[in-house]
Amino acid sequence: MNQFVLAFPIPVSVDETFAITENVKVAADAKTVMIPGCSVQFNVVRQPAMADVLEIFKDHCELNAEEEKAIASHKSLLFLLGNVKSMNDVEMVNTAILKMFTAGATGVYMQQAGTAWTEGEFRDTLGSGEYPMDPWINIIEGEDEKSLYTLGLATFTLPDLCTATTDLDPEELLLMAAHSLFDGEVPAKSGSVIDWGEGEKYVLRQELKGLFSKDAPEYNKQGLLRIVKK
């Protein structure tokens, strides 16, 4: 699996200890951390505050005045890096993210997908937790405005997906297909069929050209599959 990178604006400076729980604290020179309830070990990077962090969050979600003020006044960034190998890992990292919010983090930027969530937006997107991958996936529109694309599936060593904007609920189609690939219900290759039941079937087709060039950080070497109604 490819490495994920989570960046949290936090209210303490880069040379101060950040307490996640009463017994788990991240010192200024910490290299790793284990968060209770999560067996995924995180590598730690601490960095000073960044002036453009607020704009990153504003580009991805609507902020209320309180959220905007909290992110703008962050004193440093705490990065957690790791790998997820199963849906259980994803669920545990989501739990760790929630604990970071409880500890005072004002948001999370998921670098691999380009998604930025406040606590409220993250909780809303996660919902009941039935689909734990949802906050990890960004959905973006192509330049021709005729297709929607996922961004972030490279984290799970999966190809990204795309579908026509004219499909019924295309965002839901992309998210459900992504879960089917990660669960192993559908092989991540051209020709695979996704059966939603009630006679509704889709087939995956390899796209020869993606949104990003090979030298772009968003490039997914696993490729791109288009979801086409069968």
Protein backbone atom coordinates (compact mmCIF):
# COMPACT_ATOMS: atom_id res chain seq x y z
CA MET A 1 0.00 0.00 0.00
CA ASN A 2 1.12 3.55 -0.67
CA GLN A 3 1.76 5.90 2.21
CA PHE A 4 -0.94 8.31 3.36
CA VAL A 5 -0.15 11.74 4.77
CA LEU A 6 -2.49 13.50 7.20
CA ALA A 7 -1.77 17.10 8.18
CA PHE A 8 -3.42 18.62 11.25
CA PRO A 9 -3.37 22.34 12.13
CA ILE A 10 -2.90 22.37 15.91
CA PRO A 11 -3.02 25.09 18.59
CA VAL A 12 0.49 24.56 20.00
CA SER A 13 3.79 25.67 18.51
CA VAL A 14 6.18 23.31 16.75
CA ASP A 15 8.50 23.12 19.76
CA GLU A 16 5.72 22.29 22.25
CA THR A 17 4.26 18.92 23.22
CA PHE A 18 0.81 18.11 21.80
CA ALA A 19 -1.32 15.90 24.04
CA ILE A 20 -3.59 13.53 22.10
CA THR A 21 -4.82 11.80 25.25
CA GLU A 22 -3.82 12.04 28.90
CA ASN A 23 -1.18 9.35 28.36
CA VAL A 24 -0.24 9.88 24.71
CA LYS A 25 1.70 13.02 23.96
CA VAL A 26 3.64 14.05 20.85
CA ALA A 27 6.86 15.80 21.78
CA ALA A 28 8.58 18.28 19.49
CA ASP A 29 11.15 15.66 18.48
CA ALA A 30 8.75 12.69 18.23
CA LYS A 31 9.32 10.34 15.28
CA THR A 32 6.43 7.92 15.78
CA VAL A 33 3.20 7.66 17.76
CA MET A 34 0.57 5.03 18.52
CA ILE A 35 -2.92 6.37 19.20
CA PRO A 36 -5.19 4.31 21.49
CA GLY A 37 -7.75 2.29 19.56
CA CYS A 38 -5.61 2.26 16.42
CA SER A 39 -3.01 -0.42 15.68
CA VAL A 40 -1.62 1.51 12.70
CA GLN A 41 1.69 3.10 13.70
CA PHE A 42 2.15 6.68 12.56
CA ASN A 43 5.40 8.37 11.63
CA VAL A 44 5.39 11.95 12.91
CA VAL A 45 6.58 15.18 11.32
CA ARG A 46 6.22 18.58 13.01
CA GLN A 47 6.27 21.82 10.98
CA PRO A 48 5.70 25.51 11.74
CA ALA A 49 2.40 27.18 10.90
CA MET A 50 1.70 27.88 7.21
CA ALA A 51 -0.05 31.01 6.00
CA ASP A 52 -1.94 29.31 3.14
CA VAL A 53 -3.49 26.51 5.22
CA LEU A 54 -6.76 28.41 5.60
CA GLU A 55 -7.11 28.77 1.81
CA ILE A 56 -6.61 25.02 1.37
CA PHE A 57 -9.54 24.34 3.70
CA LYS A 58 -11.71 27.07 2.18
CA ASP A 59 -11.17 25.55 -1.27
CA HIS A 60 -12.58 22.21 -0.15
CA CYS A 61 -15.38 22.96 2.31
CA GLU A 62 -17.48 25.81 3.62
CA LEU A 63 -16.21 27.19 6.92
CA ASN A 64 -18.18 29.03 9.54
CA ALA A 65 -16.59 32.01 11.27
CA GLU A 66 -15.45 29.95 14.25
CA GLU A 67 -13.81 27.27 12.09
CA GLU A 68 -12.12 29.88 9.93
CA LYS A 69 -10.71 31.65 12.97
CA ALA A 70 -9.47 28.39 14.53
CA ILE A 71 -7.63 27.28 11.38
CA ALA A 72 -6.21 30.74 10.69
CA SER A 73 -4.80 30.93 14.22
CA HIS A 74 -3.14 27.49 14.20
CA LYS A 75 0.39 27.56 15.63
CA SER A 76 1.91 24.56 13.86
CA LEU A 77 1.19 21.50 11.73
CA LEU A 78 1.40 17.91 12.90
CA PHE A 79 1.76 15.32 10.15
CA LEU A 80 0.88 11.65 10.64
CA LEU A 81 2.16 9.26 7.97
CA GLY A 82 1.32 5.58 7.61
CA ASN A 83 -0.18 2.76 5.54
CA VAL A 84 -3.55 1.04 5.53
CA LYS A 85 -3.85 -2.58 4.40
CA SER A 86 -7.47 -3.35 5.16
CA MET A 87 -10.82 -1.69 5.74
CA ASN A 88 -10.28 -2.30 9.45
CA ASP A 89 -7.11 -0.19 9.22
CA VAL A 90 -9.08 2.60 7.54
CA GLU A 91 -11.69 2.48 10.30
CA MET A 92 -9.00 2.66 12.99
CA VAL A 93 -7.25 5.62 11.35
CA ASN A 94 -10.62 7.39 11.14
CA THR A 95 -10.96 6.82 14.90
CA ALA A 96 -7.47 8.27 15.40
CA ILE A 97 -8.44 11.34 13.35
CA LEU A 98 -11.47 11.87 15.60
CA LYS A 99 -9.20 11.68 18.65
CA MET A 100 -6.96 14.32 17.10
CA PHE A 101 -9.99 16.60 16.82
CA THR A 102 -10.91 15.94 20.45
CA ALA A 103 -7.33 16.85 21.39
CA GLY A 104 -7.64 20.24 19.71
CA ALA A 105 -6.70 19.78 16.04
CA THR A 106 -8.80 22.19 13.98
CA GLY A 107 -8.91 20.15 10.77
CA VAL A 108 -7.24 17.42 8.74
CA TYR A 109 -5.73 17.74 5.28
CA MET A 110 -5.47 14.35 3.53
CA GLN A 111 -2.59 14.99 1.17
CA GLN A 112 -3.04 11.86 -0.97
CA ALA A 113 -6.55 12.95 -2.02
CA GLY A 114 -6.33 16.71 -1.63
CA THR A 115 -9.27 16.70 0.77
CA ALA A 116 -9.42 19.11 3.71
CA TRP A 117 -11.96 18.55 6.47
CA THR A 118 -13.00 20.47 9.52
CA GLU A 119 -14.18 18.29 12.38
CA GLY A 120 -17.82 18.85 11.47
CA GLU A 121 -17.32 18.11 7.77
CA PHE A 122 -15.29 14.99 8.55
CA ARG A 123 -17.94 13.65 10.93
CA ASP A 124 -20.70 14.42 8.43
CA THR A 125 -18.88 12.67 5.58
CA LEU A 126 -18.02 9.68 7.73
CA GLY A 127 -21.60 9.48 8.98
CA SER A 128 -22.38 6.15 10.62
CA GLY A 129 -19.03 4.77 9.46
CA GLU A 130 -20.68 2.29 7.09
CA TYR A 131 -18.41 3.54 4.30
CA PRO A 132 -15.14 4.42 6.05
CA MET A 133 -13.28 5.24 2.82
CA ASP A 134 -15.53 8.17 1.91
CA PRO A 135 -13.44 10.91 3.62
CA TRP A 136 -10.32 9.49 1.93
CA ILE A 137 -11.67 10.03 -1.58
CA ASN A 138 -11.83 13.32 -3.40
CA ILE A 139 -14.21 13.71 -6.35
CA ILE A 140 -13.22 16.26 -8.95
CA GLU A 141 -14.67 17.39 -12.27
CA GLY A 142 -12.78 17.04 -15.53
CA GLU A 143 -11.92 20.07 -17.62
CA ASP A 144 -14.66 19.22 -20.13
CA GLU A 145 -17.21 19.09 -17.27
CA LYS A 146 -18.52 15.82 -18.71
CA SER A 147 -16.82 13.43 -16.29
CA LEU A 148 -16.23 13.10 -12.56
CA TYR A 149 -13.02 11.51 -11.26
CA THR A 150 -11.87 10.08 -7.96
CA LEU A 151 -8.56 11.17 -6.47
CA GLY A 152 -6.92 9.27 -3.63
CA LEU A 153 -7.36 5.60 -4.51
CA ALA A 154 -3.61 5.26 -5.10
CA THR A 155 -3.37 5.12 -1.28
CA PHE A 156 -5.08 1.73 -1.48
CA THR A 157 -3.02 0.60 -4.52
CA LEU A 158 -6.15 0.90 -6.65
CA PRO A 159 -6.77 2.67 -9.96
CA ASP A 160 -8.81 5.83 -9.79
CA LEU A 161 -12.29 5.83 -11.29
CA CYS A 162 -14.32 8.12 -13.51
CA THR A 163 -17.89 8.28 -14.76
CA ALA A 164 -20.08 10.57 -16.83
CA THR A 165 -21.71 13.49 -15.05
CA THR A 166 -24.97 12.45 -16.73
CA ASP A 167 -25.11 9.19 -14.75
CA LEU A 168 -27.74 8.99 -12.04
CA ASP A 169 -26.00 10.18 -8.84
CA PRO A 170 -22.44 9.90 -10.27
CA GLU A 171 -20.71 10.73 -6.96
CA GLU A 172 -22.49 7.88 -5.19
CA LEU A 173 -21.63 5.57 -8.10
CA LEU A 174 -17.92 6.43 -7.80
CA LEU A 175 -17.85 5.93 -4.02
CA MET A 176 -19.72 2.62 -4.12
CA ALA A 177 -17.49 1.33 -6.91
CA ALA A 178 -14.40 2.31 -4.92
CA HIS A 179 -15.62 0.35 -1.92
CA SER A 180 -16.37 -2.66 -4.12
CA LEU A 181 -12.80 -2.61 -5.47
CA PHE A 182 -11.20 -2.27 -2.05
CA ASP A 183 -13.37 -5.00 -0.54
CA GLY A 184 -12.33 -7.32 -3.35
CA GLU A 185 -15.93 -7.81 -4.46
CA VAL A 186 -14.98 -6.56 -7.93
CA PRO A 187 -11.54 -7.08 -9.56
CA ALA A 188 -9.79 -3.77 -10.23
CA LYS A 189 -9.34 -4.35 -13.95
CA SER A 190 -10.93 -3.54 -17.27
CA GLY A 191 -13.90 -5.75 -18.07
CA SER A 192 -15.00 -6.26 -14.47
CA VAL A 193 -18.74 -6.00 -13.92
CA ILE A 194 -20.39 -4.21 -11.01
CA ASP A 195 -23.86 -5.57 -10.30
CA TRP A 196 -25.99 -3.22 -8.21
CA GLY A 197 -28.95 -5.59 -8.37
CA GLU A 198 -32.40 -5.14 -9.93
CA GLY A 199 -30.83 -5.49 -13.36
CA GLU A 200 -28.54 -2.47 -12.96
CA LYS A 201 -25.03 -3.38 -14.09
CA TYR A 202 -21.91 -1.42 -14.93
CA VAL A 203 -18.63 -2.47 -16.53
CA LEU A 204 -15.15 -1.04 -15.92
CA ARG A 205 -13.18 0.12 -18.97
CA GLN A 206 -9.52 1.14 -19.00
CA GLU A 207 -8.97 4.80 -19.83
CA LEU A 208 -5.86 5.43 -21.91
CA LYS A 209 -5.42 8.97 -20.61
CA GLY A 210 -5.98 10.32 -17.11
CA LEU A 211 -6.30 13.81 -15.73
CA PHE A 212 -2.68 14.05 -14.60
CA SER A 213 0.69 13.63 -16.29
CA LYS A 214 3.15 11.03 -15.00
CA ASP A 215 5.28 13.68 -13.29
CA ALA A 216 2.34 15.18 -11.39
CA PRO A 217 2.04 14.34 -7.66
CA GLU A 218 -1.61 13.35 -8.25
CA TYR A 219 -0.68 10.77 -10.89
CA ASN A 220 -1.90 7.25 -10.07
CA LYS A 221 0.36 4.61 -11.58
CA GLN A 222 -2.42 2.05 -11.12
CA GLY A 223 -4.26 3.78 -13.95
CA LEU A 224 -7.82 4.97 -14.45
CA LEU A 225 -11.00 2.93 -14.98
CA ARG A 226 -14.22 4.36 -16.41
CA ILE A 227 -17.57 3.11 -15.11
CA VAL A 228 -19.92 2.48 -18.03
CA LYS A 229 -23.53 1.31 -17.82
CA LYS A 230 -23.84 -2.17 -19.30
